[in-house]
PDB file of N, CA and C in Angstrom:
ATOM      1  N   MET A   1       0.847  -1.130  -0.077  1.00  0.00           N
ATOM      2  CA  MET A   1       0.050  -0.063   0.003  1.00  0.00           C
ATOM      3  C   MET A   1       0.933   1.264  -0.008  1.00  0.00           C
ATOM      4  N   SER A   2       2.009   1.300   0.553  1.00  0.00           N
ATOM      5  CA  SER A   2       2.800   2.382   0.716  1.00  0.00           C
ATOM      6  C   SER A   2       3.431   2.722  -0.667  1.00  0.00           C
ATOM      7  N   ASP A   3       3.643   1.641  -1.539  1.00  0.00           N
ATOM      8  CA  ASP A   3       4.174   2.006  -2.940  1.00  0.00           C
ATOM      9  C   ASP A   3       3.210   2.638  -3.696  1.00  0.00           C
ATOM     10  N   LYS A   4       1.809   2.360  -3.491  1.00  0.00           N
ATOM     11  CA  LYS A   4       0.821   3.061  -4.096  1.00  0.00           C
ATOM     12  C   LYS A   4       0.895   4.663  -3.710  1.00  0.00           C
ATOM     13  N   ASN A   5       0.996   5.002  -2.511  1.00  0.00           N
ATOM     14  CA  ASN A   5       1.044   6.326  -1.979  1.00  0.00           C
ATOM     15  C   ASN A   5       2.287   6.953  -2.470  1.00  0.00           C
ATOM     16  N   ASP A   6       3.486   6.389  -2.526  1.00  0.00           N
ATOM     17  CA  ASP A   6       4.683   6.915  -3.022  1.00  0.00           C
ATOM     18  C   ASP A   6       4.535   7.143  -4.427  1.00  0.00           C
ATOM     19  N   PHE A   7       3.928   6.252  -5.305  1.00  0.00           N
ATOM     20  CA  PHE A   7       3.810   6.518  -6.545  1.00  0.00           C
ATOM     21  C   PHE A   7       2.826   7.706  -6.940  1.00  0.00           C
ATOM     22  N   GLY A   8       1.848   7.686  -6.191  1.00  0.00           N
ATOM     23  CA  GLY A   8       0.823   8.889  -6.298  1.00  0.00           C
ATOM     24  C   GLY A   8       1.426  10.296  -6.051  1.00  0.00           C
ATOM     25  N   THR A   9       2.262  10.170  -4.931  1.00  0.00           N
ATOM     26  CA  THR A   9       2.958  11.456  -4.492  1.00  0.00           C
ATOM     27  C   THR A   9       3.919  11.902  -5.537  1.00  0.00           C
ATOM     28  N   PHE A  10       4.731  10.781  -6.099  1.00  0.00           N
ATOM     29  CA  PHE A  10       5.586  11.296  -7.291  1.00  0.00           C
ATOM     30  C   PHE A  10       4.835  11.841  -8.357  1.00  0.00           C
ATOM     31  N   ILE A  11       3.871  11.215  -8.811  1.00  0.00           N
ATOM     32  CA  ILE A  11       3.079  11.684  -9.930  1.00  0.00           C
ATOM     33  C   ILE A  11       2.609  13.097  -9.755  1.00  0.00           C
ATOM     34  N   MET A  12       1.998  13.412  -8.551  1.00  0.00           N
ATOM     35  CA  MET A  12       1.460  14.631  -8.121  1.00  0.00           C
ATOM     36  C   MET A  12       2.468  15.651  -8.213  1.00  0.00           C
ATOM     37  N   GLY A  13       3.772  15.436  -7.583  1.00  0.00           N
ATOM     38  CA  GLY A  13       4.844  16.288  -7.606  1.00  0.00           C
ATOM     39  C   GLY A  13       5.462  16.590  -8.934  1.00  0.00           C
ATOM     40  N   PHE A  14       5.444  15.618  -9.713  1.00  0.00           N
ATOM     41  CA  PHE A  14       6.115  15.681 -11.112  1.00  0.00           C
ATOM     42  C   PHE A  14       5.074  16.600 -12.044  1.00  0.00           C
ATOM     43  N   THR A  15       3.796  16.380 -11.739  1.00  0.00           N
ATOM     44  CA  THR A  15       2.795  17.213 -12.467  1.00  0.00           C
ATOM     45  C   THR A  15       2.788  18.748 -12.016  1.00  0.00           C
ATOM     46  N   ILE A  16       2.927  18.909 -10.623  1.00  0.00           N
ATOM     47  CA  ILE A  16       2.960  20.320 -10.102  1.00  0.00           C
ATOM     48  C   ILE A  16       4.181  21.038 -10.473  1.00  0.00           C
ATOM     49  N   GLY A  17       5.342  20.307 -10.561  1.00  0.00           N
ATOM     50  CA  GLY A  17       6.685  20.737 -10.986  1.00  0.00           C
ATOM     51  C   GLY A  17       6.601  21.190 -12.384  1.00  0.00           C
ATOM     52  N   ALA A  18       5.973  20.277 -13.315  1.00  0.00           N
ATOM     53  CA  ALA A  18       5.961  20.625 -14.669  1.00  0.00           C
ATOM     54  C   ALA A  18       5.223  21.785 -14.939  1.00  0.00           C
ATOM     55  N   LEU A  19       4.119  21.890 -14.239  1.00  0.00           N
ATOM     56  CA  LEU A  19       3.161  23.054 -14.522  1.00  0.00           C
ATOM     57  C   LEU A  19       3.920  24.317 -14.032  1.00  0.00           C
ATOM     58  N   ALA A  20       4.503  24.258 -12.842  1.00  0.00           N
ATOM     59  CA  ALA A  20       5.299  25.455 -12.233  1.00  0.00           C
ATOM     60  C   ALA A  20       6.389  25.904 -13.318  1.00  0.00           C
ATOM     61  N   GLY A  21       7.088  24.865 -13.744  1.00  0.00           N
ATOM     62  CA  GLY A  21       8.268  25.178 -14.731  1.00  0.00           C
ATOM     63  C   GLY A  21       7.561  25.710 -16.035  1.00  0.00           C
ATOM     64  N   ALA A  22       6.635  25.310 -16.419  1.00  0.00           N
ATOM     65  CA  ALA A  22       5.990  25.809 -17.763  1.00  0.00           C
ATOM     66  C   ALA A  22       5.634  27.274 -17.533  1.00  0.00           C
ATOM     67  N   VAL A  23       4.759  27.486 -16.495  1.00  0.00           N
ATOM     68  CA  VAL A  23       4.367  28.845 -16.199  1.00  0.00           C
ATOM     69  C   VAL A  23       5.522  29.791 -15.968  1.00  0.00           C
ATOM     70  N   ALA A  24       6.465  29.570 -15.295  1.00  0.00           N
ATOM     71  CA  ALA A  24       7.782  30.348 -15.154  1.00  0.00           C
ATOM     72  C   ALA A  24       8.315  30.603 -16.340  1.00  0.00           C
ATOM     73  N   SER A  25       8.543  29.525 -17.296  1.00  0.00           N
ATOM     74  CA  SER A  25       9.155  29.795 -18.454  1.00  0.00           C
ATOM     75  C   SER A  25       8.374  30.709 -19.383  1.00  0.00           C
ATOM     76  N   LEU A  26       7.104  30.597 -19.295  1.00  0.00           N
ATOM     77  CA  LEU A  26       6.340  31.437 -20.082  1.00  0.00           C
ATOM     78  C   LEU A  26       6.160  32.933 -19.799  1.00  0.00           C
ATOM     79  N   LEU A  27       6.255  33.008 -18.424  1.00  0.00           N
ATOM     80  CA  LEU A  27       6.170  34.450 -17.836  1.00  0.00           C
ATOM     81  C   LEU A  27       7.433  35.158 -18.126  1.00  0.00           C
ATOM     82  N   MET A  28       8.565  34.473 -18.196  1.00  0.00           N
ATOM     83  CA  MET A  28       9.814  35.124 -18.124  1.00  0.00           C
ATOM     84  C   MET A  28      10.354  35.251 -19.733  1.00  0.00           C
ATOM     85  N   ALA A  29       9.636  34.628 -20.509  1.00  0.00           N
ATOM     86  CA  ALA A  29       9.971  34.764 -21.970  1.00  0.00           C
ATOM     87  C   ALA A  29       9.590  36.143 -22.523  1.00  0.00           C
ATOM     88  N   PRO A  30      10.139  36.768 -23.375  1.00  0.00           N
ATOM     89  CA  PRO A  30       9.998  38.103 -23.950  1.00  0.00           C
ATOM     90  C   PRO A  30       8.946  37.848 -25.050  1.00  0.00           C
ATOM     91  N   GLN A  31       7.684  37.981 -24.710  1.00  0.00           N
ATOM     92  CA  GLN A  31       6.730  37.864 -25.707  1.00  0.00           C
ATOM     93  C   GLN A  31       5.499  38.801 -25.177  1.00  0.00           C
ATOM     94  N   THR A  32       4.549  38.951 -26.204  1.00  0.00           N
ATOM     95  CA  THR A  32       3.436  39.939 -25.737  1.00  0.00           C
ATOM     96  C   THR A  32       2.425  39.121 -24.910  1.00  0.00           C
ATOM     97  N   GLY A  33       1.603  39.799 -24.262  1.00  0.00           N
ATOM     98  CA  GLY A  33       0.562  39.144 -23.425  1.00  0.00           C
ATOM     99  C   GLY A  33      -0.306  38.062 -24.122  1.00  0.00           C
ATOM    100  N   GLU A  34      -0.660  38.473 -25.412  1.00  0.00           N
ATOM    101  CA  GLU A  34      -1.512  37.686 -26.322  1.00  0.00           C
ATOM    102  C   GLU A  34      -0.755  36.447 -26.573  1.00  0.00           C
ATOM    103  N   GLU A  35       0.488  36.570 -27.021  1.00  0.00           N
ATOM    104  CA  GLU A  35       1.324  35.182 -27.316  1.00  0.00           C
ATOM    105  C   GLU A  35       1.429  34.408 -26.093  1.00  0.00           C
ATOM    106  N   THR A  36       1.798  35.026 -24.985  1.00  0.00           N
ATOM    107  CA  THR A  36       1.921  34.239 -23.681  1.00  0.00           C
ATOM    108  C   THR A  36       0.601  33.527 -23.354  1.00  0.00           C
ATOM    109  N   ARG A  37      -0.524  34.243 -23.506  1.00  0.00           N
ATOM    110  CA  ARG A  37      -1.732  33.466 -23.142  1.00  0.00           C
ATOM    111  C   ARG A  37      -2.069  32.329 -24.259  1.00  0.00           C
ATOM    112  N   GLN A  38      -1.807  32.599 -25.283  1.00  0.00           N
ATOM    113  CA  GLN A  38      -1.958  31.475 -26.292  1.00  0.00           C
ATOM    114  C   GLN A  38      -0.944  30.231 -26.024  1.00  0.00           C
ATOM    115  N   LEU A  39       0.262  30.444 -25.584  1.00  0.00           N
ATOM    116  CA  LEU A  39       1.223  29.440 -25.352  1.00  0.00           C
ATOM    117  C   LEU A  39       0.649  28.868 -24.125  1.00  0.00           C
ATOM    118  N   ILE A  40       0.167  29.467 -23.180  1.00  0.00           N
ATOM    119  CA  ILE A  40      -0.320  28.860 -21.938  1.00  0.00           C
ATOM    120  C   ILE A  40      -1.483  27.978 -22.184  1.00  0.00           C
ATOM    121  N   LYS A  41      -2.399  28.386 -23.145  1.00  0.00           N
ATOM    122  CA  LYS A  41      -3.565  27.674 -23.386  1.00  0.00           C
ATOM    123  C   LYS A  41      -3.054  26.360 -24.265  1.00  0.00           C
ATOM    124  N   ASP A  42      -2.107  26.511 -25.180  1.00  0.00           N
ATOM    125  CA  ASP A  42      -1.490  25.303 -25.848  1.00  0.00           C
ATOM    126  C   ASP A  42      -0.987  24.340 -24.923  1.00  0.00           C
ATOM    127  N   ARG A  43      -0.088  24.824 -23.970  1.00  0.00           N
ATOM    128  CA  ARG A  43       0.505  23.867 -23.044  1.00  0.00           C
ATOM    129  C   ARG A  43      -0.499  23.254 -22.176  1.00  0.00           C
ATOM    130  N   ALA A  44      -1.505  23.985 -21.740  1.00  0.00           N
ATOM    131  CA  ALA A  44      -2.535  23.351 -20.868  1.00  0.00           C
ATOM    132  C   ALA A  44      -3.289  22.315 -21.617  1.00  0.00           C
ATOM    133  N   ILE A  45      -3.508  22.362 -22.998  1.00  0.00           N
ATOM    134  CA  ILE A  45      -4.199  21.541 -23.820  1.00  0.00           C
ATOM    135  C   ILE A  45      -3.218  20.211 -23.939  1.00  0.00           C
ATOM    136  N   GLU A  46      -1.948  20.514 -24.063  1.00  0.00           N
ATOM    137  CA  GLU A  46      -1.005  19.401 -24.277  1.00  0.00           C
ATOM    138  C   GLU A  46      -0.991  18.607 -23.022  1.00  0.00           C
ATOM    139  N   LEU A  47      -0.797  19.265 -21.737  1.00  0.00           N
ATOM    140  CA  LEU A  47      -0.714  18.620 -20.673  1.00  0.00           C
ATOM    141  C   LEU A  47      -1.943  17.769 -20.346  1.00  0.00           C
ATOM    142  N   LYS A  48      -3.066  18.397 -20.635  1.00  0.00           N
ATOM    143  CA  LYS A  48      -4.452  17.547 -20.418  1.00  0.00           C
ATOM    144  C   LYS A  48      -4.289  16.382 -21.167  1.00  0.00           C
ATOM    145  N   GLU A  49      -3.939  16.494 -22.521  1.00  0.00           N
ATOM    146  CA  GLU A  49      -3.929  15.254 -23.321  1.00  0.00           C
ATOM    147  C   GLU A  49      -2.841  14.168 -22.800  1.00  0.00           C
ATOM    148  N   LYS A  50      -1.733  14.601 -22.409  1.00  0.00           N
ATOM    149  CA  LYS A  50      -0.668  13.796 -21.725  1.00  0.00           C
ATOM    150  C   LYS A  50      -1.415  12.949 -20.496  1.00  0.00           C
ATOM    151  N   GLY A  51      -1.992  13.894 -19.624  1.00  0.00           N
ATOM    152  CA  GLY A  51      -2.676  13.328 -18.467  1.00  0.00           C
ATOM    153  C   GLY A  51      -3.651  12.352 -18.764  1.00  0.00           C
ATOM    154  N   ALA A  52      -4.487  12.523 -19.865  1.00  0.00           N
ATOM    155  CA  ALA A  52      -5.552  11.616 -20.260  1.00  0.00           C
ATOM    156  C   ALA A  52      -4.863  10.299 -20.720  1.00  0.00           C
ATOM    157  N   GLU A  53      -3.750  10.438 -21.581  1.00  0.00           N
ATOM    158  CA  GLU A  53      -3.055   9.157 -21.991  1.00  0.00           C
ATOM    159  C   GLU A  53      -2.409   8.427 -20.787  1.00  0.00           C
ATOM    160  N   SER A  54      -1.922   9.142 -20.019  1.00  0.00           N
ATOM    161  CA  SER A  54      -1.317   8.423 -18.779  1.00  0.00           C
ATOM    162  C   SER A  54      -2.248   7.956 -17.754  1.00  0.00           C
ATOM    163  N   TYR A  55      -3.473   8.390 -17.705  1.00  0.00           N
ATOM    164  CA  TYR A  55      -4.633   7.941 -16.999  1.00  0.00           C
ATOM    165  C   TYR A  55      -5.186   6.577 -17.594  1.00  0.00           C
ATOM    166  N   GLU A  56      -5.287   6.716 -18.941  1.00  0.00           N
ATOM    167  CA  GLU A  56      -5.701   5.389 -19.674  1.00  0.00           C
ATOM    168  C   GLU A  56      -4.778   4.388 -19.646  1.00  0.00           C
ATOM    169  N   GLU A  57      -3.374   4.729 -19.725  1.00  0.00           N
ATOM    170  CA  GLU A  57      -2.356   3.638 -19.591  1.00  0.00           C
ATOM    171  C   GLU A  57      -2.390   3.053 -18.262  1.00  0.00           C
ATOM    172  N   THR A  58      -2.570   3.806 -17.256  1.00  0.00           N
ATOM    173  CA  THR A  58      -2.587   3.335 -15.826  1.00  0.00           C
ATOM    174  C   THR A  58      -3.867   2.539 -15.608  1.00  0.00           C
ATOM    175  N   LYS A  59      -4.964   2.995 -16.066  1.00  0.00           N
ATOM    176  CA  LYS A  59      -6.150   2.229 -16.045  1.00  0.00           C
ATOM    177  C   LYS A  59      -6.015   0.817 -16.679  1.00  0.00           C
ATOM    178  N   ARG A  60      -5.292   0.832 -17.913  1.00  0.00           N
ATOM    179  CA  ARG A  60      -5.190  -0.507 -18.626  1.00  0.00           C
ATOM    180  C   ARG A  60      -4.369  -1.318 -17.759  1.00  0.00           C
ATOM    181  N   LYS A  61      -3.320  -0.804 -17.236  1.00  0.00           N
ATOM    182  CA  LYS A  61      -2.448  -1.660 -16.526  1.00  0.00           C
ATOM    183  C   LYS A  61      -3.079  -2.262 -15.159  1.00  0.00           C
ATOM    184  N   ALA A  62      -3.855  -1.395 -14.531  1.00  0.00           N
ATOM    185  CA  ALA A  62      -4.706  -1.829 -13.365  1.00  0.00           C
ATOM    186  C   ALA A  62      -5.649  -3.029 -13.781  1.00  0.00           C
ATOM    187  N   GLU A  63      -6.461  -2.816 -14.877  1.00  0.00           N
ATOM    188  CA  GLU A  63      -7.184  -3.769 -15.262  1.00  0.00           C
ATOM    189  C   GLU A  63      -6.537  -5.155 -15.443  1.00  0.00           C
ATOM    190  N   ILE A  64      -5.344  -5.170 -16.104  1.00  0.00           N
ATOM    191  CA  ILE A  64      -4.617  -6.195 -16.362  1.00  0.00           C
ATOM    192  C   ILE A  64      -4.103  -6.960 -15.084  1.00  0.00           C
ATOM    193  N   ALA A  65      -3.581  -6.218 -14.168  1.00  0.00           N
ATOM    194  CA  ALA A  65      -3.343  -6.603 -12.836  1.00  0.00           C
ATOM    195  C   ALA A  65      -4.336  -7.206 -12.017  1.00  0.00           C
ATOM    196  N   TYR A  66      -5.628  -6.578 -12.192  1.00  0.00           N
ATOM    197  CA  TYR A  66      -6.654  -7.141 -11.501  1.00  0.00           C
ATOM    198  C   TYR A  66      -7.142  -8.410 -12.079  1.00  0.00           C
ATOM    199  N   LYS A  67      -7.179  -8.602 -13.383  1.00  0.00           N
ATOM    200  CA  LYS A  67      -7.609  -9.876 -13.964  1.00  0.00           C
ATOM    201  C   LYS A  67      -6.508 -10.853 -13.754  1.00  0.00           C
ATOM    202  N   ASP A  68      -5.252 -10.593 -13.613  1.00  0.00           N
ATOM    203  CA  ASP A  68      -4.130 -11.470 -13.239  1.00  0.00           C
ATOM    204  C   ASP A  68      -4.256 -12.034 -11.781  1.00  0.00           C
ATOM    205  N   ALA A  69      -4.634 -11.059 -10.994  1.00  0.00           N
ATOM    206  CA  ALA A  69      -4.873 -11.427  -9.556  1.00  0.00           C
ATOM    207  C   ALA A  69      -5.941 -12.297  -9.313  1.00  0.00           C
ATOM    208  N   VAL A  70      -7.183 -12.035  -9.986  1.00  0.00           N
ATOM    209  CA  VAL A  70      -8.426 -12.862 -10.037  1.00  0.00           C
ATOM    210  C   VAL A  70      -8.096 -14.293 -10.433  1.00  0.00           C
ATOM    211  N   ALA A  71      -7.316 -14.429 -11.563  1.00  0.00           N
ATOM    212  CA  ALA A  71      -6.902 -15.756 -12.071  1.00  0.00           C
ATOM    213  C   ALA A  71      -6.136 -16.493 -11.223  1.00  0.00           C
ATOM    214  N   LYS A  72      -5.080 -15.785 -10.589  1.00  0.00           N
ATOM    215  CA  LYS A  72      -4.174 -16.420  -9.591  1.00  0.00           C
ATOM    216  C   LYS A  72      -4.993 -16.900  -8.336  1.00  0.00           C
ATOM    217  N   TYR A  73      -6.010 -16.114  -8.001  1.00  0.00           N
ATOM    218  CA  TYR A  73      -6.714 -16.475  -6.839  1.00  0.00           C
ATOM    219  C   TYR A  73      -7.584 -17.698  -7.096  1.00  0.00           C
ATOM    220  N   GLU A  74      -8.207 -17.721  -8.292  1.00  0.00           N
ATOM    221  CA  GLU A  74      -9.007 -18.815  -8.786  1.00  0.00           C
ATOM    222  C   GLU A  74      -8.102 -20.245  -8.872  1.00  0.00           C
ATOM    223  N   GLN A  75      -7.041 -20.050  -9.329  1.00  0.00           N
ATOM    224  CA  GLN A  75      -6.112 -21.154  -9.431  1.00  0.00           C
ATOM    225  C   GLN A  75      -5.764 -21.641  -7.983  1.00  0.00           C
ATOM    226  N   PHE A  76      -5.450 -20.629  -7.201  1.00  0.00           N
ATOM    227  CA  PHE A  76      -5.044 -21.060  -5.741  1.00  0.00           C
ATOM    228  C   PHE A  76      -6.162 -21.744  -5.127  1.00  0.00           C
ATOM    229  N   ALA A  77      -7.440 -21.214  -5.249  1.00  0.00           N
ATOM    230  CA  ALA A  77      -8.678 -21.815  -4.503  1.00  0.00           C
ATOM    231  C   ALA A  77      -8.783 -23.262  -5.064  1.00  0.00           C
ATOM    232  N   GLU A  78      -8.684 -23.510  -6.353  1.00  0.00           N
ATOM    233  CA  GLU A  78      -8.886 -24.728  -6.890  1.00  0.00           C
ATOM    234  C   GLU A  78      -7.799 -25.857  -6.352  1.00  0.00           C
ATOM    235  N   THR A  79      -6.610 -25.148  -6.343  1.00  0.00           N
ATOM    236  CA  THR A  79      -5.429 -26.216  -5.878  1.00  0.00           C
ATOM    237  C   THR A  79      -5.787 -26.473  -4.455  1.00  0.00           C
ATOM    238  N   THR A  80      -6.281 -25.435  -3.574  1.00  0.00           N
ATOM    239  CA  THR A  80      -6.429 -25.780  -2.239  1.00  0.00           C
ATOM    240  C   THR A  80      -7.736 -26.653  -2.022  1.00  0.00           C
ATOM    241  N   LYS A  81      -8.694 -26.631  -2.739  1.00  0.00           N
ATOM    242  CA  LYS A  81      -9.894 -27.364  -2.754  1.00  0.00           C
ATOM    243  C   LYS A  81      -9.524 -28.912  -2.983  1.00  0.00           C
ATOM    244  N   GLU A  82      -8.499 -29.038  -4.031  1.00  0.00           N
ATOM    245  CA  GLU A  82      -8.135 -30.458  -4.462  1.00  0.00           C
ATOM    246  C   GLU A  82      -7.152 -30.935  -3.346  1.00  0.00           C
ATOM    247  N   LYS A  83      -6.387 -30.171  -2.885  1.00  0.00           N
ATOM    248  CA  LYS A  83      -5.544 -30.746  -1.702  1.00  0.00           C
ATOM    249  C   LYS A  83      -6.252 -31.025  -0.596  1.00  0.00           C
ATOM    250  N   ALA A  84      -7.341 -30.238  -0.165  1.00  0.00           N
ATOM    251  CA  ALA A  84      -8.150 -30.588   0.909  1.00  0.00           C
ATOM    252  C   ALA A  84      -9.000 -31.742   0.710  1.00  0.00           C
ATOM    253  N   ALA A  85      -9.519 -32.096  -0.489  1.00  0.00           N
ATOM    254  CA  ALA A  85     -10.182 -33.406  -0.701  1.00  0.00           C
ATOM    255  C   ALA A  85      -9.267 -34.544  -0.558  1.00  0.00           C
ATOM    256  N   ASP A  86      -8.000 -34.321  -1.276  1.00  0.00           N
ATOM    257  CA  ASP A  86      -7.041 -35.455  -1.013  1.00  0.00           C
ATOM    258  C   ASP A  86      -6.668 -35.840   0.417  1.00  0.00           C
ATOM    259  N   PHE A  87      -6.559 -34.589   1.310  1.00  0.00           N
ATOM    260  CA  PHE A  87      -6.295 -34.833   2.620  1.00  0.00           C
ATOM    261  C   PHE A  87      -7.424 -35.561   3.323  1.00  0.00           C
ATOM    262  N   GLY A  88      -8.579 -35.183   3.066  1.00  0.00           N
ATOM    263  CA  GLY A  88      -9.841 -35.755   3.581  1.00  0.00           C
ATOM    264  C   GLY A  88      -9.931 -37.273   3.173  1.00  0.00           C
ATOM    265  N   GLN A  89      -9.537 -37.625   2.071  1.00  0.00           N
ATOM    266  CA  GLN A  89      -9.689 -39.032   1.566  1.00  0.00           C
ATOM    267  C   GLN A  89      -8.471 -39.944   2.356  1.00  0.00           C
ATOM    268  N   GLN A  90      -7.327 -39.178   2.542  1.00  0.00           N
ATOM    269  CA  GLN A  90      -6.234 -39.875   3.221  1.00  0.00           C
ATOM    270  C   GLN A  90      -6.657 -40.146   4.609  1.00  0.00           C
ATOM    271  N   VAL A  91      -7.240 -39.152   5.259  1.00  0.00           N
ATOM    272  CA  VAL A  91      -7.633 -39.308   6.603  1.00  0.00           C
ATOM    273  C   VAL A  91      -8.767 -40.367   6.777  1.00  0.00           C
ATOM    274  N   LYS A  92      -9.721 -40.374   5.907  1.00  0.00           N
ATOM    275  CA  LYS A  92     -10.737 -41.340   5.758  1.00  0.00           C
ATOM    276  C   LYS A  92     -10.093 -42.762   5.793  1.00  0.00           C
ATOM    277  N   SER A  93      -9.300 -43.012   4.906  1.00  0.00           N
ATOM    278  CA  SER A  93      -8.633 -44.275   4.503  1.00  0.00           C
ATOM    279  C   SER A  93      -7.775 -44.566   5.883  1.00  0.00           C
ATOM    280  N   LYS A  94      -7.173 -43.854   6.421  1.00  0.00           N
ATOM    281  CA  LYS A  94      -6.461 -44.085   7.614  1.00  0.00           C
ATOM    282  C   LYS A  94      -7.354 -44.551   8.827  1.00  0.00           C
ATOM    283  N   VAL A  95      -8.387 -43.828   8.920  1.00  0.00           N
ATOM    284  CA  VAL A  95      -9.403 -44.106   9.915  1.00  0.00           C
ATOM    285  C   VAL A  95     -10.073 -45.448   9.774  1.00  0.00           C
ATOM    286  N   ASP A  96     -10.305 -45.804   8.415  1.00  0.00           N
ATOM    287  CA  ASP A  96     -10.972 -47.193   8.096  1.00  0.00           C
ATOM    288  C   ASP A  96      -9.772 -48.160   8.375  1.00  0.00           C
ATOM    289  N   GLU A  97      -8.578 -47.963   8.209  1.00  0.00           N
ATOM    290  CA  GLU A  97      -7.504 -48.971   8.417  1.00  0.00           C
ATOM    291  C   GLU A  97      -7.407 -49.157   9.938  1.00  0.00           C
ATOM    292  N   LEU A  98      -7.711 -48.169  10.653  1.00  0.00           N
ATOM    293  CA  LEU A  98      -7.585 -48.381  12.101  1.00  0.00           C
ATOM    294  C   LEU A  98      -8.935 -48.957  12.774  1.00  0.00           C
ATOM    295  N   VAL A  99     -10.034 -48.562  12.212  1.00  0.00           N
ATOM    296  CA  VAL A  99     -11.335 -49.042  12.806  1.00  0.00           C
ATOM    297  C   VAL A  99     -11.595 -50.504  12.363  1.00  0.00           C
ATOM    298  N   HIS A 100     -11.386 -50.805  11.159  1.00  0.00           N
ATOM    299  CA  HIS A 100     -11.898 -52.224  10.781  1.00  0.00           C
ATOM    300  C   HIS A 100     -11.178 -53.330  11.515  1.00  0.00           C
ATOM    301  N   PRO A 101      -9.873 -53.279  11.851  1.00  0.00           N
ATOM    302  CA  PRO A 101      -9.344 -54.360  12.714  1.00  0.00           C
ATOM    303  C   PRO A 101      -9.857 -54.370  14.033  1.00  0.00           C
ATOM    304  N   VAL A 102     -10.215 -53.151  14.523  1.00  0.00           N
ATOM    305  CA  VAL A 102     -10.874 -53.147  15.866  1.00  0.00           C
ATOM    306  C   VAL A 102     -12.151 -53.639  15.864  1.00  0.00           C
ATOM    307  N   GLU A 103     -13.028 -53.502  14.854  1.00  0.00           N
ATOM    308  CA  GLU A 103     -14.314 -53.909  14.681  1.00  0.00           C
ATOM    309  C   GLU A 103     -14.350 -55.466  14.513  1.00  0.00           C
ATOM    310  N   LYS A 104     -13.316 -55.911  13.736  1.00  0.00           N
ATOM    311  CA  LYS A 104     -13.280 -57.374  13.544  1.00  0.00           C
ATOM    312  C   LYS A 104     -12.860 -58.171  14.754  1.00  0.00           C
ATOM    313  N   ALA A 105     -11.911 -57.473  15.567  1.00  0.00           N
ATOM    314  CA  ALA A 105     -11.532 -58.134  16.844  1.00  0.00           C
ATOM    315  C   ALA A 105     -12.653 -58.243  17.824  1.00  0.00           C
ATOM    316  N   ALA A 106     -13.518 -57.071  17.883  1.00  0.00           N
ATOM    317  CA  ALA A 106     -14.615 -57.033  18.699  1.00  0.00           C
ATOM    318  C   ALA A 106     -15.583 -58.018  18.360  1.00  0.00           C
ATOM    319  N   GLU A 107     -15.803 -58.203  17.099  1.00  0.00           N
ATOM    320  CA  GLU A 107     -16.810 -59.163  16.583  1.00  0.00           C
ATOM    321  C   GLU A 107     -16.371 -60.649  16.910  1.00  0.00           C
ATOM    322  N   GLU A 108     -15.013 -60.846  16.917  1.00  0.00           N
ATOM    323  CA  GLU A 108     -14.537 -62.335  17.159  1.00  0.00           C
ATOM    324  C   GLU A 108     -14.460 -62.539  18.628  1.00  0.00           C
ATOM    325  N   THR A 109     -14.377 -61.560  19.458  1.00  0.00           N
ATOM    326  CA  THR A 109     -14.464 -61.794  21.018  1.00  0.00           C
ATOM    327  C   THR A 109     -15.819 -61.792  21.569  1.00  0.00           C
ATOM    328  N   GLN A 110     -16.852 -61.399  20.928  1.00  0.00           N
ATOM    329  CA  GLN A 110     -18.332 -61.420  21.388  1.00  0.00           C
ATOM    330  C   GLN A 110     -18.964 -62.774  21.054  1.00  0.00           C
ATOM    331  N   PRO A 111     -19.482 -63.366  22.096  1.00  0.00           N
ATOM    332  CA  PRO A 111     -20.095 -64.753  21.785  1.00  0.00           C
ATOM    333  C   PRO A 111     -21.252 -64.444  20.620  1.00  0.00           C
ATOM    334  N   SER A 112     -21.470 -65.504  19.999  1.00  0.00           N
ATOM    335  CA  SER A 112     -22.691 -65.493  18.986  1.00  0.00           C
ATOM    336  C   SER A 112     -23.907 -65.681  19.770  1.00  0.00           C
ATOM    337  N   ALA A 113     -25.075 -65.152  19.198  1.00  0.00           N
ATOM    338  CA  ALA A 113     -26.235 -65.483  19.856  1.00  0.00           C
ATOM    339  C   ALA A 113     -26.987 -66.473  19.392  1.00  0.00           C
ATOM    340  N   GLU A 114     -26.382 -67.439  18.692  1.00  0.00           N
ATOM    341  CA  GLU A 114     -27.054 -68.564  18.017  1.00  0.00           C
ATOM    342  C   GLU A 114     -27.441 -69.538  18.942  1.00  0.00           C
TER     343      GLU A 114
END
């Protein structure tokens, strides 16, 4: 969970730094106000498009990771179910091995009712 927070913090810092750098460079450049406003508008559109692309890429990767995690969980659950069934069968056969000789011995020691 800490990795998610660190990554989000990094992205936020990167974005704020890029915006601050872009604004500072535009304000310090020797241009008219109209040219500066147009450049700011163009850069804002460019950053918006890059942000949308980054969002879509992150979303796609998250969906792939989610599907992979679900598949691994289902495989783990199936394996666990099979192992539990095998273990139950082994326990049952061991119990049968122990109980049947005891039952036979008990039958042999009891007098018949004939």
